[in-house]
Amino acid sequence: MLGILKPCGGEIKVLGEEPHNAKHRVGYMPQNADFNIKFPISVREIVLMGRLYGSRPRWWYSHMDHQKTEAVLKKVGMWEHRFTPIGHLSGGQRQRVLIARALATDPEILFLDEPTASVDPEFETDLFDFMKELNKTVTILMVTHDIGVISRNVKSVACVNRTMIFHKGGKITQEMIDMAYGCPVDLVAHGLPHRVLPVHQGK
């Protein structure tokens, strides 16, 4: 969907266009695990990099670039840390900065790759609350391997493992769990003793 890989068959359309042609309409936040936090760069500089798009060379940033950077950093609550080196932030703060970089081009769709990786449960709750507010103006597609916890704010779920099962209700079904693990499993929830065994009524 990002246009990085070409499909072996069929076709992929993003906002009615080929992924490569729609890339200026899409924001992407990579996994935090792939980010080199020792690189000497500030929060503000990282978000400004989100403005580097288009075919013409960009050797400087415009006034609009700086305005947009300020706006998105304020939106994610990180403007006061704009001069802080990325390596001095907590995992949750870094996630917010990477989301701000993805928002720098005013995307119509925001792709988040494991946004809750390496963050504590408290921040995970804050992040989902933030995404709920952001989702009022931007479509969000989040990739995660943690099927044990799905936010109540998620509107639909697609489980992919060679094939795909799509559930519009935003719920993980027993069929999805079985497909993901390759064998029948139960989802056990801690706290109040119970098992979540929803019945799937078909595709």
N, C-alpha and C. Protein backbone atom coordinates (compact mmCIF):
# COMPACT_ATOMS: atom_id res chain seq x y z
N MET A 1 0.81 -1.22 0.00
CA MET A 1 0.00 0.00 0.00
C MET A 1 0.85 1.27 0.00
N LEU A 2 2.10 1.16 0.45
CA LEU A 2 3.00 2.30 0.43
C LEU A 2 3.72 2.44 -0.91
N GLY A 3 3.56 1.44 -1.77
CA GLY A 3 4.21 1.48 -3.07
C GLY A 3 5.66 1.05 -3.04
N ILE A 4 6.12 0.50 -1.92
CA ILE A 4 7.51 0.06 -1.79
C ILE A 4 7.73 -1.27 -2.51
N LEU A 5 6.75 -2.18 -2.39
CA LEU A 5 6.81 -3.48 -3.04
C LEU A 5 5.75 -3.57 -4.12
N LYS A 6 6.07 -4.28 -5.20
CA LYS A 6 5.10 -4.47 -6.28
C LYS A 6 4.41 -5.82 -6.09
N PRO A 7 3.10 -5.86 -6.23
CA PRO A 7 2.38 -7.13 -6.05
C PRO A 7 2.71 -8.13 -7.15
N CYS A 8 2.72 -9.41 -6.81
CA CYS A 8 2.98 -10.45 -7.80
C CYS A 8 1.79 -10.66 -8.73
N GLY A 9 0.61 -10.30 -8.25
CA GLY A 9 -0.59 -10.45 -9.06
C GLY A 9 -1.66 -9.49 -8.59
N GLY A 10 -2.65 -9.27 -9.41
CA GLY A 10 -3.72 -8.36 -9.05
C GLY A 10 -3.25 -6.91 -9.05
N GLU A 11 -4.00 -6.07 -8.37
CA GLU A 11 -3.64 -4.66 -8.30
C GLU A 11 -4.02 -4.08 -6.95
N ILE A 12 -3.33 -3.02 -6.56
CA ILE A 12 -3.59 -2.32 -5.31
C ILE A 12 -3.90 -0.87 -5.63
N LYS A 13 -4.97 -0.37 -5.07
CA LYS A 13 -5.34 1.02 -5.24
C LYS A 13 -5.42 1.69 -3.88
N VAL A 14 -4.84 2.87 -3.78
CA VAL A 14 -4.91 3.67 -2.57
C VAL A 14 -5.55 5.00 -2.94
N LEU A 15 -6.70 5.27 -2.35
CA LEU A 15 -7.46 6.48 -2.69
C LEU A 15 -7.72 6.56 -4.19
N GLY A 16 -7.94 5.39 -4.80
CA GLY A 16 -8.26 5.32 -6.22
C GLY A 16 -7.08 5.42 -7.15
N GLU A 17 -5.86 5.46 -6.60
CA GLU A 17 -4.65 5.60 -7.42
C GLU A 17 -3.67 4.47 -7.15
N GLU A 18 -2.71 4.32 -8.06
CA GLU A 18 -1.60 3.42 -7.79
C GLU A 18 -0.85 3.94 -6.55
N PRO A 19 -0.38 3.05 -5.67
CA PRO A 19 0.28 3.50 -4.44
C PRO A 19 1.38 4.52 -4.67
N HIS A 20 2.20 4.33 -5.72
CA HIS A 20 3.28 5.27 -5.98
C HIS A 20 2.75 6.68 -6.27
N ASN A 21 1.61 6.75 -6.95
CA ASN A 21 1.04 8.05 -7.31
C ASN A 21 0.31 8.70 -6.14
N ALA A 22 -0.06 7.89 -5.14
CA ALA A 22 -0.83 8.42 -4.01
C ALA A 22 0.04 8.69 -2.79
N LYS A 23 1.36 8.52 -2.93
CA LYS A 23 2.23 8.61 -1.75
C LYS A 23 2.21 9.98 -1.08
N HIS A 24 1.93 11.04 -1.86
CA HIS A 24 1.87 12.37 -1.27
C HIS A 24 0.60 12.58 -0.45
N ARG A 25 -0.33 11.63 -0.54
CA ARG A 25 -1.59 11.72 0.20
C ARG A 25 -1.60 10.79 1.41
N VAL A 26 -0.46 10.14 1.66
CA VAL A 26 -0.37 9.13 2.71
C VAL A 26 0.75 9.48 3.69
N GLY A 27 0.48 9.28 4.99
CA GLY A 27 1.50 9.44 6.02
C GLY A 27 1.88 8.07 6.56
N TYR A 28 3.15 7.90 6.94
CA TYR A 28 3.62 6.58 7.39
C TYR A 28 4.52 6.72 8.61
N MET A 29 4.21 5.96 9.64
CA MET A 29 5.05 5.90 10.83
C MET A 29 5.64 4.51 10.94
N PRO A 30 6.96 4.35 10.78
CA PRO A 30 7.60 3.03 10.85
C PRO A 30 7.67 2.51 12.28
N GLN A 31 8.07 1.26 12.42
CA GLN A 31 8.25 0.68 13.75
C GLN A 31 9.33 1.43 14.51
N ASN A 32 9.07 1.65 15.79
CA ASN A 32 10.05 2.34 16.63
C ASN A 32 11.36 1.56 16.71
N ALA A 33 11.26 0.23 16.59
CA ALA A 33 12.46 -0.61 16.72
C ALA A 33 13.47 -0.35 15.61
N ASP A 34 13.02 0.20 14.49
CA ASP A 34 13.92 0.44 13.36
C ASP A 34 14.55 1.83 13.41
N PHE A 35 14.31 2.59 14.46
CA PHE A 35 14.77 3.97 14.53
C PHE A 35 16.04 4.07 15.36
N ASN A 36 17.08 4.71 14.80
CA ASN A 36 18.35 4.86 15.50
C ASN A 36 18.28 6.07 16.43
N ILE A 37 18.03 5.82 17.71
CA ILE A 37 17.85 6.91 18.66
C ILE A 37 19.16 7.60 19.01
N LYS A 38 20.31 7.05 18.58
CA LYS A 38 21.60 7.68 18.87
C LYS A 38 21.99 8.71 17.82
N PHE A 39 21.22 8.77 16.74
CA PHE A 39 21.55 9.75 15.69
C PHE A 39 21.34 11.16 16.24
N PRO A 40 22.32 12.05 16.08
CA PRO A 40 22.24 13.40 16.67
C PRO A 40 21.29 14.33 15.91
N ILE A 41 20.01 14.23 16.21
CA ILE A 41 19.02 15.05 15.53
C ILE A 41 17.93 15.41 16.53
N SER A 42 17.39 16.62 16.39
CA SER A 42 16.39 17.10 17.34
C SER A 42 14.99 16.71 16.90
N VAL A 43 14.04 16.84 17.81
CA VAL A 43 12.64 16.56 17.52
C VAL A 43 12.15 17.40 16.33
N ARG A 44 12.46 18.67 16.35
CA ARG A 44 12.01 19.58 15.28
C ARG A 44 12.59 19.18 13.93
N GLU A 45 13.84 18.79 13.91
CA GLU A 45 14.48 18.40 12.65
C GLU A 45 13.86 17.13 12.08
N ILE A 46 13.49 16.20 12.95
CA ILE A 46 12.86 14.97 12.48
C ILE A 46 11.53 15.26 11.81
N VAL A 47 10.73 16.11 12.43
CA VAL A 47 9.42 16.42 11.85
C VAL A 47 9.57 17.22 10.56
N LEU A 48 10.55 18.10 10.49
CA LEU A 48 10.79 18.84 9.25
C LEU A 48 11.10 17.90 8.09
N MET A 49 11.73 16.76 8.38
CA MET A 49 12.03 15.79 7.33
C MET A 49 10.76 15.29 6.65
N GLY A 50 9.64 15.34 7.36
CA GLY A 50 8.37 14.94 6.77
C GLY A 50 7.91 15.86 5.66
N ARG A 51 8.53 17.03 5.59
CA ARG A 51 8.19 17.99 4.53
C ARG A 51 9.03 17.78 3.27
N LEU A 52 9.96 16.82 3.30
CA LEU A 52 10.81 16.56 2.14
C LEU A 52 10.11 15.60 1.18
N TYR A 53 9.29 16.15 0.32
CA TYR A 53 8.60 15.34 -0.66
C TYR A 53 8.53 16.13 -1.97
N GLY A 54 8.18 15.43 -3.03
CA GLY A 54 8.15 16.08 -4.34
C GLY A 54 9.41 15.77 -5.12
N SER A 55 9.40 16.14 -6.39
CA SER A 55 10.51 15.79 -7.27
C SER A 55 11.61 16.84 -7.33
N ARG A 56 11.30 18.10 -6.96
CA ARG A 56 12.33 19.12 -7.07
C ARG A 56 13.27 19.08 -5.87
N PRO A 57 14.55 19.46 -6.04
CA PRO A 57 15.50 19.44 -4.93
C PRO A 57 15.06 20.40 -3.83
N ARG A 58 15.29 20.01 -2.56
CA ARG A 58 14.95 20.87 -1.43
C ARG A 58 16.19 21.07 -0.57
N TRP A 59 16.82 22.22 -0.72
CA TRP A 59 18.03 22.48 0.06
C TRP A 59 17.73 23.33 1.28
N TRP A 60 16.51 23.81 1.41
CA TRP A 60 16.12 24.61 2.56
C TRP A 60 14.63 24.40 2.79
N TYR A 61 14.20 24.79 3.99
CA TYR A 61 12.78 24.66 4.33
C TYR A 61 12.10 26.02 4.24
N SER A 62 10.90 26.03 3.73
CA SER A 62 10.14 27.27 3.56
C SER A 62 9.48 27.68 4.88
N HIS A 63 8.94 28.88 4.86
CA HIS A 63 8.20 29.37 6.03
C HIS A 63 7.01 28.47 6.31
N MET A 64 6.36 27.98 5.26
CA MET A 64 5.22 27.08 5.43
C MET A 64 5.66 25.76 6.08
N ASP A 65 6.84 25.26 5.70
CA ASP A 65 7.36 24.04 6.30
C ASP A 65 7.52 24.19 7.81
N HIS A 66 8.06 25.33 8.23
CA HIS A 66 8.27 25.58 9.65
C HIS A 66 6.94 25.75 10.38
N GLN A 67 5.99 26.40 9.73
CA GLN A 67 4.67 26.58 10.34
C GLN A 67 3.98 25.24 10.54
N LYS A 68 4.06 24.38 9.52
CA LYS A 68 3.42 23.08 9.61
C LYS A 68 4.07 22.22 10.68
N THR A 69 5.39 22.29 10.77
CA THR A 69 6.10 21.54 11.79
C THR A 69 5.66 21.97 13.19
N GLU A 70 5.56 23.26 13.39
CA GLU A 70 5.08 23.76 14.69
C GLU A 70 3.66 23.27 14.98
N ALA A 71 2.81 23.31 13.97
CA ALA A 71 1.40 22.92 14.15
C ALA A 71 1.26 21.45 14.55
N VAL A 72 1.99 20.55 13.85
CA VAL A 72 1.82 19.12 14.15
C VAL A 72 2.49 18.75 15.47
N LEU A 73 3.59 19.42 15.82
CA LEU A 73 4.22 19.15 17.11
C LEU A 73 3.32 19.59 18.26
N LYS A 74 2.61 20.69 18.07
CA LYS A 74 1.65 21.12 19.08
C LYS A 74 0.48 20.14 19.14
N LYS A 75 0.11 19.62 17.99
CA LYS A 75 -1.01 18.69 17.93
C LYS A 75 -0.74 17.42 18.73
N VAL A 76 0.51 16.95 18.68
CA VAL A 76 0.87 15.72 19.40
C VAL A 76 1.46 16.01 20.79
N GLY A 77 1.45 17.29 21.18
CA GLY A 77 1.92 17.65 22.51
C GLY A 77 3.42 17.59 22.70
N MET A 78 4.20 17.85 21.63
CA MET A 78 5.65 17.75 21.71
C MET A 78 6.37 19.04 21.33
N TRP A 79 5.67 20.15 21.19
CA TRP A 79 6.30 21.39 20.76
C TRP A 79 7.34 21.87 21.78
N GLU A 80 7.08 21.70 23.05
CA GLU A 80 8.02 22.16 24.07
C GLU A 80 9.32 21.36 24.06
N HIS A 81 9.31 20.21 23.39
CA HIS A 81 10.52 19.38 23.29
C HIS A 81 11.20 19.52 21.93
N ARG A 82 10.86 20.55 21.18
CA ARG A 82 11.30 20.65 19.78
C ARG A 82 12.83 20.66 19.62
N PHE A 83 13.57 21.14 20.61
CA PHE A 83 15.03 21.19 20.49
C PHE A 83 15.71 20.01 21.21
N THR A 84 14.91 19.11 21.74
CA THR A 84 15.45 17.96 22.47
C THR A 84 15.97 16.90 21.50
N PRO A 85 17.17 16.35 21.73
CA PRO A 85 17.66 15.25 20.88
C PRO A 85 16.72 14.05 20.99
N ILE A 86 16.48 13.36 19.90
CA ILE A 86 15.53 12.26 19.88
C ILE A 86 15.90 11.17 20.87
N GLY A 87 17.21 10.98 21.12
CA GLY A 87 17.65 9.94 22.03
C GLY A 87 17.36 10.23 23.49
N HIS A 88 16.97 11.47 23.81
CA HIS A 88 16.69 11.85 25.19
C HIS A 88 15.20 11.70 25.54
N LEU A 89 14.40 11.25 24.59
CA LEU A 89 12.96 11.11 24.82
C LEU A 89 12.61 9.70 25.30
N SER A 90 11.45 9.58 25.91
CA SER A 90 10.94 8.27 26.28
C SER A 90 10.38 7.59 25.04
N GLY A 91 10.10 6.30 25.14
CA GLY A 91 9.55 5.58 23.99
C GLY A 91 8.24 6.17 23.53
N GLY A 92 7.38 6.54 24.47
CA GLY A 92 6.10 7.13 24.11
C GLY A 92 6.24 8.48 23.42
N GLN A 93 7.19 9.29 23.89
CA GLN A 93 7.42 10.59 23.26
C GLN A 93 7.95 10.44 21.85
N ARG A 94 8.85 9.46 21.65
CA ARG A 94 9.37 9.23 20.30
C ARG A 94 8.25 8.82 19.34
N GLN A 95 7.31 8.01 19.82
CA GLN A 95 6.19 7.62 18.97
C GLN A 95 5.39 8.83 18.54
N ARG A 96 5.18 9.76 19.45
CA ARG A 96 4.44 10.98 19.11
C ARG A 96 5.19 11.81 18.06
N VAL A 97 6.51 11.86 18.18
CA VAL A 97 7.31 12.63 17.22
C VAL A 97 7.22 11.98 15.83
N LEU A 98 7.28 10.65 15.77
CA LEU A 98 7.18 9.97 14.48
C LEU A 98 5.79 10.13 13.87
N ILE A 99 4.77 10.18 14.70
CA ILE A 99 3.42 10.45 14.18
C ILE A 99 3.36 11.87 13.65
N ALA A 100 3.98 12.81 14.35
CA ALA A 100 4.01 14.20 13.89
C ALA A 100 4.68 14.31 12.53
N ARG A 101 5.79 13.57 12.35
CA ARG A 101 6.48 13.59 11.05
C ARG A 101 5.56 13.07 9.95
N ALA A 102 4.79 12.01 10.27
CA ALA A 102 3.86 11.45 9.28
C ALA A 102 2.72 12.41 8.97
N LEU A 103 2.38 13.27 9.92
CA LEU A 103 1.28 14.23 9.73
C LEU A 103 1.72 15.51 9.03
N ALA A 104 3.03 15.67 8.84
CA ALA A 104 3.57 16.93 8.33
C ALA A 104 3.08 17.27 6.93
N THR A 105 2.61 16.29 6.17
CA THR A 105 2.16 16.56 4.80
C THR A 105 0.64 16.57 4.68
N ASP A 106 -0.07 16.65 5.83
CA ASP A 106 -1.54 16.63 5.83
C ASP A 106 -2.08 15.40 5.09
N PRO A 107 -1.72 14.19 5.50
CA PRO A 107 -2.15 12.98 4.79
C PRO A 107 -3.65 12.72 4.96
N GLU A 108 -4.21 12.06 3.95
CA GLU A 108 -5.61 11.63 4.04
C GLU A 108 -5.70 10.28 4.74
N ILE A 109 -4.64 9.49 4.65
CA ILE A 109 -4.55 8.20 5.34
C ILE A 109 -3.24 8.15 6.11
N LEU A 110 -3.30 7.66 7.34
CA LEU A 110 -2.10 7.53 8.18
C LEU A 110 -1.87 6.05 8.46
N PHE A 111 -0.72 5.52 8.02
CA PHE A 111 -0.34 4.13 8.27
C PHE A 111 0.59 4.09 9.48
N LEU A 112 0.22 3.31 10.49
CA LEU A 112 1.02 3.17 11.70
C LEU A 112 1.49 1.73 11.83
N ASP A 113 2.79 1.52 11.86
CA ASP A 113 3.35 0.17 11.95
C ASP A 113 3.78 -0.08 13.40
N GLU A 114 3.03 -0.90 14.11
CA GLU A 114 3.31 -1.24 15.51
C GLU A 114 3.53 0.01 16.36
N PRO A 115 2.57 0.92 16.42
CA PRO A 115 2.77 2.18 17.15
C PRO A 115 2.92 2.01 18.65
N THR A 116 2.46 0.88 19.21
CA THR A 116 2.55 0.68 20.65
C THR A 116 3.75 -0.19 21.04
N ALA A 117 4.63 -0.47 20.09
CA ALA A 117 5.82 -1.29 20.41
C ALA A 117 6.74 -0.54 21.37
N SER A 118 7.23 -1.23 22.38
CA SER A 118 8.21 -0.69 23.32
C SER A 118 7.69 0.50 24.13
N VAL A 119 6.38 0.56 24.36
CA VAL A 119 5.84 1.62 25.20
C VAL A 119 5.08 0.98 26.36
N ASP A 120 4.97 1.71 27.47
CA ASP A 120 4.30 1.15 28.64
C ASP A 120 2.79 1.22 28.46
N PRO A 121 2.03 0.42 29.22
CA PRO A 121 0.57 0.35 29.09
C PRO A 121 -0.10 1.71 29.28
N GLU A 122 0.44 2.55 30.16
CA GLU A 122 -0.17 3.86 30.40
C GLU A 122 -0.11 4.73 29.15
N PHE A 123 1.07 4.72 28.49
CA PHE A 123 1.16 5.50 27.27
C PHE A 123 0.31 4.91 26.17
N GLU A 124 0.19 3.59 26.13
CA GLU A 124 -0.63 2.94 25.11
C GLU A 124 -2.06 3.45 25.18
N THR A 125 -2.58 3.63 26.40
CA THR A 125 -3.92 4.17 26.57
C THR A 125 -3.99 5.60 26.06
N ASP A 126 -2.97 6.41 26.40
CA ASP A 126 -2.93 7.80 25.94
C ASP A 126 -2.86 7.87 24.42
N LEU A 127 -2.07 6.96 23.83
CA LEU A 127 -1.91 6.96 22.38
C LEU A 127 -3.22 6.65 21.67
N PHE A 128 -3.98 5.67 22.17
CA PHE A 128 -5.26 5.35 21.56
C PHE A 128 -6.24 6.51 21.72
N ASP A 129 -6.19 7.21 22.84
CA ASP A 129 -7.05 8.38 23.03
C ASP A 129 -6.68 9.46 22.02
N PHE A 130 -5.36 9.64 21.81
CA PHE A 130 -4.89 10.63 20.84
C PHE A 130 -5.33 10.26 19.43
N MET A 131 -5.21 8.97 19.07
CA MET A 131 -5.59 8.53 17.73
C MET A 131 -7.10 8.65 17.52
N LYS A 132 -7.88 8.48 18.58
CA LYS A 132 -9.32 8.65 18.47
C LYS A 132 -9.66 10.07 18.04
N GLU A 133 -8.98 11.04 18.63
CA GLU A 133 -9.21 12.44 18.27
C GLU A 133 -8.70 12.71 16.85
N LEU A 134 -7.55 12.16 16.52
CA LEU A 134 -6.96 12.35 15.19
C LEU A 134 -7.83 11.73 14.10
N ASN A 135 -8.49 10.63 14.43
CA ASN A 135 -9.32 9.90 13.48
C ASN A 135 -10.54 10.68 13.01
N LYS A 136 -10.82 11.80 13.66
CA LYS A 136 -11.95 12.64 13.25
C LYS A 136 -11.68 13.30 11.90
N THR A 137 -10.40 13.47 11.56
CA THR A 137 -10.05 14.14 10.31
C THR A 137 -9.17 13.29 9.40
N VAL A 138 -8.57 12.21 9.92
CA VAL A 138 -7.65 11.38 9.14
C VAL A 138 -8.02 9.91 9.27
N THR A 139 -8.03 9.18 8.16
CA THR A 139 -8.22 7.73 8.21
C THR A 139 -6.95 7.09 8.74
N ILE A 140 -7.07 6.18 9.70
CA ILE A 140 -5.90 5.55 10.32
C ILE A 140 -5.94 4.05 10.10
N LEU A 141 -4.84 3.50 9.59
CA LEU A 141 -4.68 2.06 9.45
C LEU A 141 -3.49 1.65 10.29
N MET A 142 -3.73 0.82 11.31
CA MET A 142 -2.68 0.42 12.23
C MET A 142 -2.37 -1.07 12.07
N VAL A 143 -1.08 -1.39 11.94
CA VAL A 143 -0.62 -2.77 11.87
C VAL A 143 -0.11 -3.18 13.24
N THR A 144 -0.55 -4.33 13.75
CA THR A 144 -0.08 -4.80 15.04
C THR A 144 -0.09 -6.32 15.09
N HIS A 145 0.85 -6.89 15.84
CA HIS A 145 0.88 -8.32 16.07
C HIS A 145 0.25 -8.67 17.42
N ASP A 146 -0.09 -7.66 18.19
CA ASP A 146 -0.69 -7.87 19.51
C ASP A 146 -2.20 -7.98 19.36
N ILE A 147 -2.69 -9.19 19.12
CA ILE A 147 -4.13 -9.36 18.96
C ILE A 147 -4.82 -9.59 20.29
N GLY A 148 -4.03 -9.59 21.38
CA GLY A 148 -4.63 -9.79 22.69
C GLY A 148 -5.40 -8.58 23.18
N VAL A 149 -5.00 -7.40 22.69
CA VAL A 149 -5.65 -6.17 23.12
C VAL A 149 -6.00 -5.33 21.89
N ILE A 150 -7.28 -5.06 21.73
CA ILE A 150 -7.74 -4.19 20.66
C ILE A 150 -8.53 -3.05 21.30
N SER A 151 -8.14 -1.82 21.01
CA SER A 151 -8.83 -0.67 21.59
C SER A 151 -10.30 -0.67 21.20
N ARG A 152 -11.13 -0.22 22.12
CA ARG A 152 -12.56 -0.11 21.81
C ARG A 152 -12.82 0.96 20.76
N ASN A 153 -11.80 1.79 20.46
CA ASN A 153 -11.95 2.82 19.44
C ASN A 153 -11.72 2.30 18.03
N VAL A 154 -11.17 1.08 17.90
CA VAL A 154 -10.94 0.51 16.57
C VAL A 154 -12.28 0.19 15.91
N LYS A 155 -12.45 0.65 14.69
CA LYS A 155 -13.75 0.53 14.02
C LYS A 155 -13.88 -0.74 13.19
N SER A 156 -12.77 -1.30 12.74
CA SER A 156 -12.81 -2.54 11.96
C SER A 156 -11.48 -3.24 12.09
N VAL A 157 -11.49 -4.57 11.88
CA VAL A 157 -10.28 -5.39 12.04
C VAL A 157 -10.12 -6.30 10.84
N ALA A 158 -8.90 -6.37 10.31
CA ALA A 158 -8.57 -7.32 9.24
C ALA A 158 -7.42 -8.18 9.73
N CYS A 159 -7.61 -9.49 9.74
CA CYS A 159 -6.57 -10.43 10.15
C CYS A 159 -5.97 -11.04 8.89
N VAL A 160 -4.63 -10.93 8.75
CA VAL A 160 -3.96 -11.38 7.54
C VAL A 160 -2.94 -12.45 7.87
N ASN A 161 -3.06 -13.61 7.23
CA ASN A 161 -2.08 -14.69 7.33
C ASN A 161 -2.26 -15.55 6.08
N ARG A 162 -1.62 -15.12 4.98
CA ARG A 162 -1.76 -15.72 3.65
C ARG A 162 -3.13 -15.42 3.03
N THR A 163 -4.15 -15.35 3.84
CA THR A 163 -5.46 -14.91 3.38
C THR A 163 -5.93 -13.84 4.35
N MET A 164 -7.13 -13.28 4.17
CA MET A 164 -7.58 -12.20 5.03
C MET A 164 -9.03 -12.42 5.46
N ILE A 165 -9.27 -12.15 6.74
CA ILE A 165 -10.63 -12.12 7.27
C ILE A 165 -10.88 -10.70 7.75
N PHE A 166 -11.97 -10.11 7.28
CA PHE A 166 -12.29 -8.72 7.62
C PHE A 166 -13.55 -8.67 8.47
N HIS A 167 -13.48 -7.92 9.57
CA HIS A 167 -14.62 -7.79 10.47
C HIS A 167 -14.93 -6.31 10.65
N LYS A 168 -16.06 -5.86 10.15
CA LYS A 168 -16.42 -4.44 10.20
C LYS A 168 -16.67 -3.95 11.62
N GLY A 169 -17.02 -4.88 12.52
CA GLY A 169 -17.39 -4.47 13.87
C GLY A 169 -16.23 -4.12 14.78
N GLY A 170 -15.00 -4.22 14.30
CA GLY A 170 -13.86 -3.88 15.13
C GLY A 170 -13.57 -4.89 16.22
N LYS A 171 -13.94 -6.16 16.00
CA LYS A 171 -13.73 -7.19 17.00
C LYS A 171 -12.87 -8.33 16.44
N ILE A 172 -12.11 -8.94 17.33
CA ILE A 172 -11.34 -10.13 16.98
C ILE A 172 -12.24 -11.34 17.15
N THR A 173 -12.39 -12.12 16.10
CA THR A 173 -13.24 -13.31 16.17
C THR A 173 -12.39 -14.54 16.43
N GLN A 174 -13.03 -15.63 16.83
CA GLN A 174 -12.33 -16.89 17.06
C GLN A 174 -11.67 -17.37 15.77
N GLU A 175 -12.32 -17.15 14.63
CA GLU A 175 -11.77 -17.57 13.34
C GLU A 175 -10.47 -16.83 13.05
N MET A 176 -10.43 -15.54 13.39
CA MET A 176 -9.21 -14.76 13.18
C MET A 176 -8.07 -15.28 14.04
N ILE A 177 -8.36 -15.58 15.30
CA ILE A 177 -7.33 -16.08 16.21
C ILE A 177 -6.79 -17.42 15.74
N ASP A 178 -7.68 -18.31 15.31
CA ASP A 178 -7.25 -19.62 14.83
C ASP A 178 -6.37 -19.48 13.59
N MET A 179 -6.74 -18.55 12.69
CA MET A 179 -5.96 -18.36 11.48
C MET A 179 -4.59 -17.77 11.79
N ALA A 180 -4.52 -16.83 12.74
CA ALA A 180 -3.26 -16.19 13.06
C ALA A 180 -2.26 -17.16 13.67
N TYR A 181 -2.73 -18.08 14.51
CA TYR A 181 -1.85 -19.01 15.19
C TYR A 181 -1.71 -20.34 14.48
N GLY A 182 -2.56 -20.60 13.50
CA GLY A 182 -2.46 -21.83 12.74
C GLY A 182 -3.03 -23.04 13.44
N CYS A 183 -3.69 -22.83 14.59
CA CYS A 183 -4.32 -23.93 15.32
C CYS A 183 -5.38 -23.34 16.24
N PRO A 184 -6.33 -24.13 16.68
CA PRO A 184 -7.37 -23.61 17.59
C PRO A 184 -6.77 -23.18 18.93
N VAL A 185 -7.07 -21.96 19.35
CA VAL A 185 -6.58 -21.46 20.64
C VAL A 185 -7.71 -20.73 21.36
N ASP A 186 -7.55 -20.55 22.66
CA ASP A 186 -8.46 -19.75 23.47
C ASP A 186 -7.76 -18.46 23.86
N LEU A 187 -8.50 -17.37 23.93
CA LEU A 187 -7.96 -16.09 24.38
C LEU A 187 -8.30 -15.94 25.85
N VAL A 188 -7.29 -16.00 26.72
CA VAL A 188 -7.51 -15.94 28.16
C VAL A 188 -7.21 -14.52 28.65
N ALA A 189 -8.17 -13.91 29.34
CA ALA A 189 -8.00 -12.55 29.85
C ALA A 189 -7.72 -12.60 31.34
N HIS A 190 -6.70 -11.85 31.79
CA HIS A 190 -6.37 -11.81 33.21
C HIS A 190 -7.23 -10.76 33.91
N GLY A 191 -7.30 -10.87 35.22
CA GLY A 191 -8.16 -9.97 35.98
C GLY A 191 -9.35 -10.78 36.43
N LEU A 192 -10.54 -10.36 36.03
CA LEU A 192 -11.72 -11.16 36.31
C LEU A 192 -11.63 -12.45 35.50
N PRO A 193 -11.66 -13.61 36.13
CA PRO A 193 -11.46 -14.88 35.41
C PRO A 193 -12.56 -15.10 34.36
N HIS A 194 -12.17 -15.13 33.11
CA HIS A 194 -13.11 -15.46 32.05
C HIS A 194 -12.33 -15.75 30.78
N ARG A 195 -13.00 -16.36 29.82
CA ARG A 195 -12.40 -16.59 28.52
C ARG A 195 -13.26 -15.91 27.46
N VAL A 196 -12.57 -15.30 26.51
CA VAL A 196 -13.28 -14.62 25.43
C VAL A 196 -13.38 -15.58 24.27
N LEU A 197 -14.58 -16.09 24.03
CA LEU A 197 -14.79 -17.07 22.97
C LEU A 197 -15.96 -16.62 22.10
N PRO A 198 -15.79 -15.54 21.31
CA PRO A 198 -16.89 -15.03 20.49
C PRO A 198 -17.24 -15.99 19.38
N VAL A 199 -18.51 -15.98 18.98
CA VAL A 199 -18.98 -16.84 17.90
C VAL A 199 -18.97 -16.04 16.61
N HIS A 200 -18.32 -16.58 15.58
CA HIS A 200 -18.26 -15.90 14.28
C HIS A 200 -19.38 -16.44 13.41
N GLN A 201 -20.19 -15.56 12.86
CA GLN A 201 -21.36 -15.95 12.11
C GLN A 201 -21.12 -16.09 10.61
N GLY A 202 -19.87 -16.18 10.20
CA GLY A 202 -19.57 -16.33 8.77
C GLY A 202 -18.99 -15.06 8.19
N LYS A 203 -18.48 -15.16 6.97
CA LYS A 203 -17.80 -14.04 6.34
C LYS A 203 -18.82 -13.08 5.75
